[in-house]
Amino acid sequence: MEEKNFVAYEYKTKTVKAEDQPRAADMYEAFGWEITSAAPSLGGGVALSLKRDRKIAHKQELNKTERQAESVFETLLNLKRSVTLGASVFAYILGVVGALVLGGGMSLVMTVSNSVPAVAGGIVLGVVGLILCGINYIIYKNIAVKKTEKVQPAIDENEEKLANLLERGNALLAAEII
């Protein structure tokens, strides 16, 4: 009679943003998780279904290192998102102000058409509104570049921490096999 080798698995589901899926997959595979499926979830995310042998060697150390890696991964994602957050908020506000100025100029021209100074003022306001809307992207890019220069050392440091944690997890898995 043939003997079957029974393996008990532990399961986990993690939801990540679609653009972060490859990095998250690499991270969990470094700790012995196998991706069984990746399904789209609400908000543009992807739900990763993971499984791992319950009797994996060095499980306590792997779990501890995995939690550290997840923390560093979240910090890294937050740092990368912070690069454009302030610039986006400023761009939205400047865009709204530019649109309001443009709209105010149009209203002035359309409602007071008998007065030459009002028409001239409306045209000037409209041009100022167009200029504000036009320079908005340039200002956004400059703010994003300056923020990137400030945050890049922290991003690089966290990338290195994450790589070291993944190497440690992979080394623990390799120690199990030998």
C-alpha atoms as a PDB file:
ATOM      1  CA  MET A   1       0.000   0.000   0.000  1.00  0.00           C
ATOM      2  CA  GLU A   2       1.222   3.448  -0.913  1.00  0.00           C
ATOM      3  CA  GLU A   3       1.767   5.873   1.949  1.00  0.00           C
ATOM      4  CA  LYS A   4       0.587   9.444   1.443  1.00  0.00           C
ATOM      5  CA  ASN A   5       2.569  12.334   2.814  1.00  0.00           C
ATOM      6  CA  PHE A   6       0.085  14.661   4.445  1.00  0.00           C
ATOM      7  CA  VAL A   7       1.073  18.308   4.652  1.00  0.00           C
ATOM      8  CA  ALA A   8      -0.935  20.736   6.780  1.00  0.00           C
ATOM      9  CA  TYR A   9      -0.906  24.283   5.497  1.00  0.00           C
ATOM     10  CA  GLU A  10      -1.547  27.629   7.083  1.00  0.00           C
ATOM     11  CA  TYR A  11      -3.338  30.217   4.971  1.00  0.00           C
ATOM     12  CA  LYS A  12      -3.259  33.963   4.759  1.00  0.00           C
ATOM     13  CA  THR A  13      -4.834  36.633   2.552  1.00  0.00           C
ATOM     14  CA  LYS A  14      -3.180  39.995   2.014  1.00  0.00           C
ATOM     15  CA  THR A  15      -4.564  42.882  -0.014  1.00  0.00           C
ATOM     16  CA  VAL A  16      -2.101  45.173  -1.768  1.00  0.00           C
ATOM     17  CA  LYS A  17      -2.386  47.819  -4.441  1.00  0.00           C
ATOM     18  CA  ALA A  18      -2.057  46.474  -7.971  1.00  0.00           C
ATOM     19  CA  GLU A  19       1.204  48.328  -8.628  1.00  0.00           C
ATOM     20  CA  ASP A  20       2.726  46.852  -5.439  1.00  0.00           C
ATOM     21  CA  GLN A  21       1.738  43.250  -6.193  1.00  0.00           C
ATOM     22  CA  PRO A  22       5.088  42.034  -7.636  1.00  0.00           C
ATOM     23  CA  ARG A  23       7.079  43.380  -4.686  1.00  0.00           C
ATOM     24  CA  ALA A  24       4.606  41.966  -2.164  1.00  0.00           C
ATOM     25  CA  ALA A  25       4.733  38.586  -3.919  1.00  0.00           C
ATOM     26  CA  ASP A  26       8.541  38.569  -3.715  1.00  0.00           C
ATOM     27  CA  MET A  27       8.392  39.543  -0.061  1.00  0.00           C
ATOM     28  CA  TYR A  28       6.006  36.756   0.976  1.00  0.00           C
ATOM     29  CA  GLU A  29       7.804  34.126  -1.105  1.00  0.00           C
ATOM     30  CA  ALA A  30      11.006  34.962   0.783  1.00  0.00           C
ATOM     31  CA  PHE A  31       9.255  33.751   3.950  1.00  0.00           C
ATOM     32  CA  GLY A  32       8.021  30.460   2.529  1.00  0.00           C
ATOM     33  CA  TRP A  33       4.576  31.543   1.374  1.00  0.00           C
ATOM     34  CA  GLU A  34       3.251  30.259  -1.914  1.00  0.00           C
ATOM     35  CA  ILE A  35       0.770  32.405  -3.825  1.00  0.00           C
ATOM     36  CA  THR A  36      -2.278  30.303  -4.630  1.00  0.00           C
ATOM     37  CA  SER A  37      -4.294  33.061  -6.304  1.00  0.00           C
ATOM     38  CA  ALA A  38      -4.381  36.775  -6.961  1.00  0.00           C
ATOM     39  CA  ALA A  39      -7.851  38.257  -7.362  1.00  0.00           C
ATOM     40  CA  PRO A  40      -8.873  41.881  -7.933  1.00  0.00           C
ATOM     41  CA  SER A  41     -10.434  43.562  -4.914  1.00  0.00           C
ATOM     42  CA  LEU A  42     -12.220  46.829  -4.255  1.00  0.00           C
ATOM     43  CA  GLY A  43     -10.310  50.068  -4.610  1.00  0.00           C
ATOM     44  CA  GLY A  44      -7.895  48.900  -7.289  1.00  0.00           C
ATOM     45  CA  GLY A  45      -6.193  46.391  -5.039  1.00  0.00           C
ATOM     46  CA  VAL A  46      -5.288  42.752  -5.444  1.00  0.00           C
ATOM     47  CA  ALA A  47      -6.068  40.093  -2.839  1.00  0.00           C
ATOM     48  CA  LEU A  48      -3.199  37.628  -2.619  1.00  0.00           C
ATOM     49  CA  SER A  49      -4.100  34.204  -1.229  1.00  0.00           C
ATOM     50  CA  LEU A  50      -1.068  32.581   0.367  1.00  0.00           C
ATOM     51  CA  LYS A  51      -0.293  29.176   1.863  1.00  0.00           C
ATOM     52  CA  ARG A  52       2.696  27.756   3.717  1.00  0.00           C
ATOM     53  CA  ASP A  53       3.590  24.483   5.388  1.00  0.00           C
ATOM     54  CA  ARG A  54       2.519  24.609   9.041  1.00  0.00           C
ATOM     55  CA  LYS A  55       5.547  22.624  10.184  1.00  0.00           C
ATOM     56  CA  ILE A  56       8.111  24.831   8.493  1.00  0.00           C
ATOM     57  CA  ALA A  57      11.398  25.017  10.380  1.00  0.00           C
ATOM     58  CA  HIS A  58      12.342  28.264  12.137  1.00  0.00           C
ATOM     59  CA  LYS A  59       8.698  29.346  12.048  1.00  0.00           C
ATOM     60  CA  GLN A  60       8.972  31.721  15.004  1.00  0.00           C
ATOM     61  CA  GLU A  61      11.978  33.520  13.567  1.00  0.00           C
ATOM     62  CA  LEU A  62      10.368  33.604  10.112  1.00  0.00           C
ATOM     63  CA  ASN A  63       7.197  35.161  11.539  1.00  0.00           C
ATOM     64  CA  LYS A  64       9.180  37.768  13.455  1.00  0.00           C
ATOM     65  CA  THR A  65      11.256  38.660  10.404  1.00  0.00           C
ATOM     66  CA  GLU A  66       8.130  38.691   8.215  1.00  0.00           C
ATOM     67  CA  ARG A  67       6.411  41.197  10.536  1.00  0.00           C
ATOM     68  CA  GLN A  68       9.502  43.417  10.420  1.00  0.00           C
ATOM     69  CA  ALA A  69       9.562  43.185   6.621  1.00  0.00           C
ATOM     70  CA  GLU A  70       5.847  44.067   6.396  1.00  0.00           C
ATOM     71  CA  SER A  71       6.460  47.111   8.590  1.00  0.00           C
ATOM     72  CA  VAL A  72       9.396  48.270   6.466  1.00  0.00           C
ATOM     73  CA  PHE A  73       7.373  47.590   3.287  1.00  0.00           C
ATOM     74  CA  GLU A  74       4.502  49.791   4.552  1.00  0.00           C
ATOM     75  CA  THR A  75       6.952  52.522   5.541  1.00  0.00           C
ATOM     76  CA  LEU A  76       8.503  52.345   2.094  1.00  0.00           C
ATOM     77  CA  LEU A  77       5.111  52.614   0.370  1.00  0.00           C
ATOM     78  CA  ASN A  78       4.134  55.553   2.559  1.00  0.00           C
ATOM     79  CA  LEU A  79       7.385  57.345   1.774  1.00  0.00           C
ATOM     80  CA  LYS A  80       6.894  56.842  -1.952  1.00  0.00           C
ATOM     81  CA  ARG A  81       3.319  58.107  -1.778  1.00  0.00           C
ATOM     82  CA  SER A  82       4.342  61.133   0.306  1.00  0.00           C
ATOM     83  CA  VAL A  83       6.456  62.368  -2.595  1.00  0.00           C
ATOM     84  CA  THR A  84       3.410  63.426  -4.600  1.00  0.00           C
ATOM     85  CA  LEU A  85       0.871  64.029  -1.827  1.00  0.00           C
ATOM     86  CA  GLY A  86       1.820  67.635  -0.989  1.00  0.00           C
ATOM     87  CA  ALA A  87       2.341  68.493  -4.633  1.00  0.00           C
ATOM     88  CA  SER A  88      -1.075  67.060  -5.525  1.00  0.00           C
ATOM     89  CA  VAL A  89      -2.853  69.012  -2.798  1.00  0.00           C
ATOM     90  CA  PHE A  90      -1.177  72.233  -3.932  1.00  0.00           C
ATOM     91  CA  ALA A  91      -2.010  71.499  -7.583  1.00  0.00           C
ATOM     92  CA  TYR A  92      -5.680  70.867  -6.767  1.00  0.00           C
ATOM     93  CA  ILE A  93      -5.954  74.116  -4.805  1.00  0.00           C
ATOM     94  CA  LEU A  94      -4.162  76.160  -7.472  1.00  0.00           C
ATOM     95  CA  GLY A  95      -6.301  74.546 -10.178  1.00  0.00           C
ATOM     96  CA  VAL A  96      -9.504  75.464  -8.358  1.00  0.00           C
ATOM     97  CA  VAL A  97      -8.293  79.032  -7.804  1.00  0.00           C
ATOM     98  CA  GLY A  98      -7.284  79.330 -11.470  1.00  0.00           C
ATOM     99  CA  ALA A  99     -10.676  78.010 -12.603  1.00  0.00           C
ATOM    100  CA  LEU A 100     -12.488  80.421 -10.280  1.00  0.00           C
ATOM    101  CA  VAL A 101     -10.476  83.385 -11.551  1.00  0.00           C
ATOM    102  CA  LEU A 102     -11.135  82.321 -15.153  1.00  0.00           C
ATOM    103  CA  GLY A 103     -14.838  81.897 -14.390  1.00  0.00           C
ATOM    104  CA  GLY A 104     -14.947  85.273 -12.647  1.00  0.00           C
ATOM    105  CA  GLY A 105     -13.449  86.933 -15.733  1.00  0.00           C
ATOM    106  CA  MET A 106     -15.973  85.204 -17.996  1.00  0.00           C
ATOM    107  CA  SER A 107     -18.844  86.256 -15.740  1.00  0.00           C
ATOM    108  CA  LEU A 108     -17.638  89.842 -15.708  1.00  0.00           C
ATOM    109  CA  VAL A 109     -17.440  89.959 -19.495  1.00  0.00           C
ATOM    110  CA  MET A 110     -20.824  88.311 -19.997  1.00  0.00           C
ATOM    111  CA  THR A 111     -22.835  90.172 -17.352  1.00  0.00           C
ATOM    112  CA  VAL A 112     -21.475  93.691 -17.788  1.00  0.00           C
ATOM    113  CA  SER A 113     -21.114  94.005 -21.555  1.00  0.00           C
ATOM    114  CA  ASN A 114     -21.917  97.753 -21.727  1.00  0.00           C
ATOM    115  CA  SER A 115     -18.835  98.861 -19.803  1.00  0.00           C
ATOM    116  CA  VAL A 116     -15.460  98.804 -21.548  1.00  0.00           C
ATOM    117  CA  PRO A 117     -13.469  98.764 -18.262  1.00  0.00           C
ATOM    118  CA  ALA A 118     -15.521  95.764 -17.023  1.00  0.00           C
ATOM    119  CA  VAL A 119     -14.934  93.881 -20.282  1.00  0.00           C
ATOM    120  CA  ALA A 120     -11.211  94.691 -20.172  1.00  0.00           C
ATOM    121  CA  GLY A 121     -11.043  93.623 -16.510  1.00  0.00           C
ATOM    122  CA  GLY A 122     -12.880  90.400 -17.345  1.00  0.00           C
ATOM    123  CA  ILE A 123     -10.452  89.630 -20.143  1.00  0.00           C
ATOM    124  CA  VAL A 124      -7.489  90.286 -17.844  1.00  0.00           C
ATOM    125  CA  LEU A 125      -9.002  88.034 -15.160  1.00  0.00           C
ATOM    126  CA  GLY A 126      -9.614  85.324 -17.753  1.00  0.00           C
ATOM    127  CA  VAL A 127      -6.015  85.481 -18.961  1.00  0.00           C
ATOM    128  CA  VAL A 128      -4.733  85.358 -15.358  1.00  0.00           C
ATOM    129  CA  GLY A 129      -6.946  82.290 -14.722  1.00  0.00           C
ATOM    130  CA  LEU A 130      -5.587  80.582 -17.849  1.00  0.00           C
ATOM    131  CA  ILE A 131      -2.016  81.354 -16.794  1.00  0.00           C
ATOM    132  CA  LEU A 132      -2.649  79.913 -13.318  1.00  0.00           C
ATOM    133  CA  CYS A 133      -4.082  76.743 -14.833  1.00  0.00           C
ATOM    134  CA  GLY A 134      -1.189  76.546 -17.305  1.00  0.00           C
ATOM    135  CA  ILE A 135       1.647  76.865 -14.781  1.00  0.00           C
ATOM    136  CA  ASN A 136      -0.016  74.464 -12.361  1.00  0.00           C
ATOM    137  CA  TYR A 137       1.702  71.370 -13.780  1.00  0.00           C
ATOM    138  CA  ILE A 138       5.125  73.027 -13.809  1.00  0.00           C
ATOM    139  CA  ILE A 139       4.769  73.965 -10.145  1.00  0.00           C
ATOM    140  CA  TYR A 140       3.507  70.455  -9.322  1.00  0.00           C
ATOM    141  CA  LYS A 141       6.574  68.876 -10.933  1.00  0.00           C
ATOM    142  CA  ASN A 142       8.965  71.235  -9.121  1.00  0.00           C
ATOM    143  CA  ILE A 143       7.386  70.477  -5.731  1.00  0.00           C
ATOM    144  CA  ALA A 144       7.479  66.724  -6.433  1.00  0.00           C
ATOM    145  CA  VAL A 145      11.159  66.867  -7.452  1.00  0.00           C
ATOM    146  CA  LYS A 146      12.114  68.804  -4.310  1.00  0.00           C
ATOM    147  CA  LYS A 147      10.207  66.362  -2.093  1.00  0.00           C
ATOM    148  CA  THR A 148      11.826  63.409  -3.882  1.00  0.00           C
ATOM    149  CA  GLU A 149      15.272  64.848  -3.172  1.00  0.00           C
ATOM    150  CA  LYS A 150      14.375  65.138   0.529  1.00  0.00           C
ATOM    151  CA  VAL A 151      12.789  61.689   0.886  1.00  0.00           C
ATOM    152  CA  GLN A 152      15.110  59.655  -1.372  1.00  0.00           C
ATOM    153  CA  PRO A 153      17.725  58.893   1.337  1.00  0.00           C
ATOM    154  CA  ALA A 154      14.994  57.465   3.595  1.00  0.00           C
ATOM    155  CA  ILE A 155      13.579  55.446   0.685  1.00  0.00           C
ATOM    156  CA  ASP A 156      17.026  54.032  -0.112  1.00  0.00           C
ATOM    157  CA  GLU A 157      17.622  53.164   3.550  1.00  0.00           C
ATOM    158  CA  ASN A 158      14.286  51.342   3.810  1.00  0.00           C
ATOM    159  CA  GLU A 159      14.922  49.517   0.509  1.00  0.00           C
ATOM    160  CA  GLU A 160      18.187  48.247   1.987  1.00  0.00           C
ATOM    161  CA  LYS A 161      16.488  47.206   5.256  1.00  0.00           C
ATOM    162  CA  LEU A 162      13.810  45.324   3.314  1.00  0.00           C
ATOM    163  CA  ALA A 163      16.398  43.567   1.145  1.00  0.00           C
ATOM    164  CA  ASN A 164      18.314  42.471   4.259  1.00  0.00           C
ATOM    165  CA  LEU A 165      15.145  41.158   5.910  1.00  0.00           C
ATOM    166  CA  LEU A 166      14.199  39.224   2.777  1.00  0.00           C
ATOM    167  CA  GLU A 167      17.686  37.734   2.584  1.00  0.00           C
ATOM    168  CA  ARG A 168      17.428  36.703   6.245  1.00  0.00           C
ATOM    169  CA  GLY A 169      14.039  35.060   5.623  1.00  0.00           C
ATOM    170  CA  ASN A 170      15.356  33.257   2.566  1.00  0.00           C
ATOM    171  CA  ALA A 171      18.412  32.098   4.529  1.00  0.00           C
ATOM    172  CA  LEU A 172      16.116  30.655   7.229  1.00  0.00           C
ATOM    173  CA  LEU A 173      14.201  28.758   4.558  1.00  0.00           C
ATOM    174  CA  ALA A 174      17.438  27.433   3.071  1.00  0.00           C
ATOM    175  CA  ALA A 175      18.573  26.335   6.536  1.00  0.00           C
ATOM    176  CA  GLU A 176      15.402  24.224   6.736  1.00  0.00           C
ATOM    177  CA  ILE A 177      16.256  22.300   3.571  1.00  0.00           C
ATOM    178  CA  ILE A 178      19.845  21.465   4.536  1.00  0.00           C
END
